[in-house]
Amino acid sequence: IETSDQPGNMAQIAIRDSGCGIEQQHIARVFDPFFTTGKVSGTGLGLSVSYGIVRRYGGDICVRSTVGEGSVFEVLLPALPVGERVPVLT
C-alpha cells in the first residue's frame, strides 16, 4: 500500500499485489455489478460497491494488471484539511 499527494488537492492510495493478475479481456468489466470470472466463492459485488463509494465522494478508482505478475488498484480521493471530517452522504 502506498499513498501520495496528487495535483488538484487529491490523495492517491495504491494497493498492489503479486497475485495471478487479471486477464486484459476482464479489465474493463471488473467494476461491473455481479461480474465474476466463475470462481466458486464471491458475488461479484465487492469492486462494484467500492467503485460506487469512491465515486460518490468525488474520487476515482482504476486498475492496472499483468497476468502472472499481479495488479495495482489506484484510488484517488479529494484530500481534506487536517482535522476536517469526511461528510456523510445520504
N, C-alpha and C. Protein backbone atom coordinates (compact mmCIF):
# COMPACT_ATOMS: atom_id res chain seq x y z
N ILE A 1 0.86 -1.17 0.00
CA ILE A 1 0.00 0.00 0.00
C ILE A 1 0.90 1.22 0.00
N GLU A 2 0.61 2.16 -0.90
CA GLU A 2 1.35 3.42 -0.98
C GLU A 2 0.35 4.56 -1.03
N THR A 3 0.73 5.68 -0.45
CA THR A 3 -0.10 6.88 -0.53
C THR A 3 0.74 8.02 -1.09
N SER A 4 0.05 8.97 -1.73
CA SER A 4 0.74 10.14 -2.25
C SER A 4 -0.24 11.28 -2.45
N ASP A 5 0.29 12.50 -2.39
CA ASP A 5 -0.48 13.69 -2.74
C ASP A 5 -0.49 13.81 -4.25
N GLN A 6 -1.61 14.26 -4.80
CA GLN A 6 -1.75 14.43 -6.23
C GLN A 6 -2.23 15.84 -6.53
N PRO A 7 -2.01 16.31 -7.75
CA PRO A 7 -2.47 17.66 -8.12
C PRO A 7 -3.98 17.81 -7.92
N GLY A 8 -4.41 19.04 -7.71
CA GLY A 8 -5.83 19.31 -7.55
C GLY A 8 -6.35 18.96 -6.18
N ASN A 9 -5.48 18.99 -5.15
CA ASN A 9 -5.87 18.68 -3.78
C ASN A 9 -6.48 17.27 -3.66
N MET A 10 -5.83 16.32 -4.31
CA MET A 10 -6.28 14.93 -4.28
C MET A 10 -5.24 14.07 -3.56
N ALA A 11 -5.70 12.96 -3.03
CA ALA A 11 -4.82 11.97 -2.39
C ALA A 11 -4.99 10.65 -3.12
N GLN A 12 -3.89 9.94 -3.32
CA GLN A 12 -3.94 8.65 -4.01
C GLN A 12 -3.50 7.54 -3.07
N ILE A 13 -4.21 6.45 -3.13
CA ILE A 13 -3.87 5.23 -2.40
C ILE A 13 -3.70 4.14 -3.45
N ALA A 14 -2.53 3.54 -3.51
CA ALA A 14 -2.27 2.46 -4.47
C ALA A 14 -2.13 1.16 -3.69
N ILE A 15 -2.89 0.16 -4.08
CA ILE A 15 -2.86 -1.15 -3.44
C ILE A 15 -2.33 -2.13 -4.47
N ARG A 16 -1.16 -2.72 -4.20
CA ARG A 16 -0.52 -3.65 -5.13
C ARG A 16 -0.55 -5.06 -4.56
N ASP A 17 -0.65 -6.02 -5.47
CA ASP A 17 -0.49 -7.41 -5.05
C ASP A 17 0.43 -8.12 -6.03
N SER A 18 0.85 -9.28 -5.66
CA SER A 18 1.71 -10.09 -6.54
C SER A 18 1.00 -11.39 -6.90
N GLY A 19 -0.33 -11.28 -7.05
CA GLY A 19 -1.13 -12.45 -7.37
C GLY A 19 -1.05 -12.84 -8.84
N CYS A 20 -2.07 -13.52 -9.30
CA CYS A 20 -2.07 -14.07 -10.66
C CYS A 20 -2.40 -13.03 -11.72
N GLY A 21 -2.88 -11.84 -11.31
CA GLY A 21 -3.22 -10.80 -12.28
C GLY A 21 -4.60 -11.00 -12.87
N ILE A 22 -5.03 -10.03 -13.63
CA ILE A 22 -6.36 -10.05 -14.27
C ILE A 22 -6.15 -10.05 -15.77
N GLU A 23 -6.81 -10.95 -16.45
CA GLU A 23 -6.69 -11.01 -17.91
C GLU A 23 -7.24 -9.73 -18.53
N GLN A 24 -6.57 -9.24 -19.56
CA GLN A 24 -6.94 -7.96 -20.19
C GLN A 24 -8.39 -7.93 -20.64
N GLN A 25 -8.92 -9.05 -21.06
CA GLN A 25 -10.31 -9.09 -21.51
C GLN A 25 -11.30 -8.80 -20.37
N HIS A 26 -10.85 -8.93 -19.12
CA HIS A 26 -11.72 -8.71 -17.96
C HIS A 26 -11.54 -7.33 -17.33
N ILE A 27 -10.45 -6.64 -17.65
CA ILE A 27 -10.15 -5.35 -17.01
C ILE A 27 -11.30 -4.36 -17.12
N ALA A 28 -11.88 -4.22 -18.28
CA ALA A 28 -12.94 -3.24 -18.50
C ALA A 28 -14.21 -3.55 -17.70
N ARG A 29 -14.33 -4.78 -17.20
CA ARG A 29 -15.57 -5.18 -16.52
C ARG A 29 -15.42 -5.37 -15.02
N VAL A 30 -14.24 -5.25 -14.46
CA VAL A 30 -14.05 -5.60 -13.05
C VAL A 30 -14.90 -4.78 -12.09
N PHE A 31 -15.33 -3.58 -12.49
CA PHE A 31 -16.16 -2.75 -11.61
C PHE A 31 -17.66 -2.92 -11.91
N ASP A 32 -18.02 -3.77 -12.86
CA ASP A 32 -19.43 -4.02 -13.16
C ASP A 32 -20.08 -4.86 -12.07
N PRO A 33 -21.31 -4.50 -11.65
CA PRO A 33 -22.00 -5.31 -10.65
C PRO A 33 -22.16 -6.75 -11.12
N PHE A 34 -21.92 -7.67 -10.22
CA PHE A 34 -22.09 -9.11 -10.42
C PHE A 34 -21.09 -9.73 -11.40
N PHE A 35 -20.10 -8.95 -11.85
CA PHE A 35 -19.11 -9.54 -12.74
C PHE A 35 -18.22 -10.49 -11.94
N THR A 36 -18.06 -11.67 -12.45
CA THR A 36 -17.19 -12.66 -11.84
C THR A 36 -16.59 -13.51 -12.94
N THR A 37 -15.46 -14.10 -12.67
CA THR A 37 -14.83 -14.97 -13.68
C THR A 37 -15.21 -16.43 -13.45
N GLY A 38 -16.25 -16.65 -12.64
CA GLY A 38 -16.74 -18.01 -12.45
C GLY A 38 -16.13 -18.75 -11.29
N LYS A 39 -15.42 -18.05 -10.42
CA LYS A 39 -14.85 -18.70 -9.25
C LYS A 39 -15.97 -19.18 -8.33
N VAL A 40 -15.66 -20.12 -7.48
CA VAL A 40 -16.66 -20.75 -6.62
C VAL A 40 -17.26 -19.78 -5.61
N SER A 41 -16.47 -18.90 -5.01
CA SER A 41 -17.00 -18.01 -3.99
C SER A 41 -17.06 -16.57 -4.50
N GLY A 42 -17.84 -15.75 -3.81
CA GLY A 42 -17.96 -14.34 -4.16
C GLY A 42 -19.21 -14.06 -4.96
N THR A 43 -19.64 -12.80 -4.88
CA THR A 43 -20.87 -12.39 -5.56
C THR A 43 -20.61 -11.48 -6.75
N GLY A 44 -19.38 -10.99 -6.89
CA GLY A 44 -19.09 -10.05 -7.95
C GLY A 44 -19.54 -8.64 -7.62
N LEU A 45 -19.71 -8.35 -6.32
CA LEU A 45 -20.17 -7.03 -5.91
C LEU A 45 -19.10 -6.18 -5.24
N GLY A 46 -18.04 -6.77 -4.75
CA GLY A 46 -17.04 -6.04 -3.96
C GLY A 46 -16.45 -4.84 -4.67
N LEU A 47 -15.94 -5.02 -5.87
CA LEU A 47 -15.33 -3.90 -6.60
C LEU A 47 -16.37 -2.91 -7.09
N SER A 48 -17.55 -3.40 -7.42
CA SER A 48 -18.62 -2.52 -7.86
C SER A 48 -19.05 -1.59 -6.73
N VAL A 49 -19.22 -2.13 -5.54
CA VAL A 49 -19.61 -1.33 -4.38
C VAL A 49 -18.49 -0.34 -4.04
N SER A 50 -17.25 -0.80 -4.06
CA SER A 50 -16.11 0.07 -3.79
C SER A 50 -16.07 1.23 -4.78
N TYR A 51 -16.26 0.93 -6.05
CA TYR A 51 -16.28 1.96 -7.09
C TYR A 51 -17.36 3.00 -6.80
N GLY A 52 -18.54 2.52 -6.45
CA GLY A 52 -19.65 3.43 -6.17
C GLY A 52 -19.37 4.36 -5.00
N ILE A 53 -18.77 3.83 -3.94
CA ILE A 53 -18.45 4.65 -2.77
C ILE A 53 -17.40 5.70 -3.13
N VAL A 54 -16.34 5.28 -3.81
CA VAL A 54 -15.28 6.20 -4.19
C VAL A 54 -15.82 7.32 -5.08
N ARG A 55 -16.63 6.97 -6.07
CA ARG A 55 -17.20 7.97 -6.98
C ARG A 55 -18.14 8.93 -6.24
N ARG A 56 -18.89 8.40 -5.28
CA ARG A 56 -19.83 9.23 -4.54
C ARG A 56 -19.12 10.32 -3.74
N TYR A 57 -17.90 10.05 -3.32
CA TYR A 57 -17.12 11.03 -2.56
C TYR A 57 -16.21 11.86 -3.47
N GLY A 58 -16.45 11.82 -4.77
CA GLY A 58 -15.73 12.68 -5.69
C GLY A 58 -14.39 12.13 -6.15
N GLY A 59 -14.20 10.84 -6.00
CA GLY A 59 -12.94 10.23 -6.39
C GLY A 59 -13.07 9.33 -7.61
N ASP A 60 -12.03 8.56 -7.82
CA ASP A 60 -12.00 7.61 -8.93
C ASP A 60 -11.15 6.41 -8.51
N ILE A 61 -11.35 5.32 -9.18
CA ILE A 61 -10.59 4.11 -8.91
C ILE A 61 -10.29 3.45 -10.25
N CYS A 62 -9.07 2.98 -10.40
CA CYS A 62 -8.70 2.30 -11.64
C CYS A 62 -7.79 1.12 -11.31
N VAL A 63 -7.60 0.26 -12.29
CA VAL A 63 -6.79 -0.93 -12.09
C VAL A 63 -5.83 -1.11 -13.26
N ARG A 64 -4.63 -1.54 -12.96
CA ARG A 64 -3.65 -1.99 -13.95
C ARG A 64 -3.25 -3.39 -13.53
N SER A 65 -3.11 -4.28 -14.48
CA SER A 65 -2.79 -5.65 -14.13
C SER A 65 -2.02 -6.34 -15.24
N THR A 66 -1.14 -7.23 -14.82
CA THR A 66 -0.39 -8.07 -15.74
C THR A 66 -0.54 -9.51 -15.28
N VAL A 67 -1.05 -10.35 -16.17
CA VAL A 67 -1.23 -11.77 -15.83
C VAL A 67 0.12 -12.36 -15.42
N GLY A 68 0.11 -13.05 -14.30
CA GLY A 68 1.32 -13.68 -13.79
C GLY A 68 2.18 -12.77 -12.92
N GLU A 69 1.84 -11.48 -12.85
CA GLU A 69 2.65 -10.55 -12.07
C GLU A 69 1.86 -9.84 -10.97
N GLY A 70 0.57 -9.67 -11.14
CA GLY A 70 -0.23 -9.00 -10.12
C GLY A 70 -0.98 -7.80 -10.65
N SER A 71 -1.60 -7.09 -9.71
CA SER A 71 -2.46 -5.96 -10.04
C SER A 71 -2.16 -4.78 -9.14
N VAL A 72 -2.54 -3.59 -9.62
CA VAL A 72 -2.46 -2.36 -8.84
C VAL A 72 -3.81 -1.67 -8.96
N PHE A 73 -4.45 -1.43 -7.83
CA PHE A 73 -5.68 -0.65 -7.78
C PHE A 73 -5.31 0.71 -7.22
N GLU A 74 -5.65 1.76 -7.95
CA GLU A 74 -5.34 3.12 -7.52
C GLU A 74 -6.64 3.86 -7.22
N VAL A 75 -6.74 4.33 -5.99
CA VAL A 75 -7.90 5.08 -5.53
C VAL A 75 -7.49 6.54 -5.39
N LEU A 76 -8.23 7.43 -6.04
CA LEU A 76 -7.97 8.85 -5.98
C LEU A 76 -9.15 9.51 -5.27
N LEU A 77 -8.86 10.23 -4.19
CA LEU A 77 -9.92 10.88 -3.40
C LEU A 77 -9.56 12.33 -3.12
N PRO A 78 -10.58 13.19 -2.98
CA PRO A 78 -10.29 14.57 -2.59
C PRO A 78 -9.64 14.58 -1.21
N ALA A 79 -8.58 15.37 -1.05
CA ALA A 79 -7.90 15.47 0.24
C ALA A 79 -8.66 16.47 1.12
N LEU A 80 -8.67 16.20 2.41
CA LEU A 80 -9.30 17.10 3.37
C LEU A 80 -8.23 17.76 4.22
N PRO A 81 -8.45 18.99 4.62
CA PRO A 81 -7.51 19.63 5.54
C PRO A 81 -7.44 18.84 6.85
N VAL A 82 -6.30 18.90 7.51
CA VAL A 82 -6.12 18.20 8.78
C VAL A 82 -7.21 18.63 9.75
N GLY A 83 -7.85 17.66 10.38
CA GLY A 83 -8.89 17.93 11.36
C GLY A 83 -10.29 18.00 10.79
N GLU A 84 -10.42 18.12 9.48
CA GLU A 84 -11.75 18.17 8.87
C GLU A 84 -12.29 16.75 8.72
N ARG A 85 -13.58 16.58 8.97
CA ARG A 85 -14.21 15.27 8.91
C ARG A 85 -14.83 15.02 7.54
N VAL A 86 -14.86 13.77 7.15
CA VAL A 86 -15.50 13.37 5.88
C VAL A 86 -17.00 13.58 6.02
N PRO A 87 -17.63 14.27 5.07
CA PRO A 87 -19.09 14.46 5.17
C PRO A 87 -19.82 13.15 4.93
N VAL A 88 -20.90 12.96 5.65
CA VAL A 88 -21.73 11.77 5.47
C VAL A 88 -22.73 12.07 4.37
N LEU A 89 -22.68 11.28 3.31
CA LEU A 89 -23.61 11.49 2.19
C LEU A 89 -24.83 10.61 2.39
N THR A 90 -25.97 11.15 2.11
CA THR A 90 -27.21 10.36 2.24
C THR A 90 -27.90 10.26 0.92
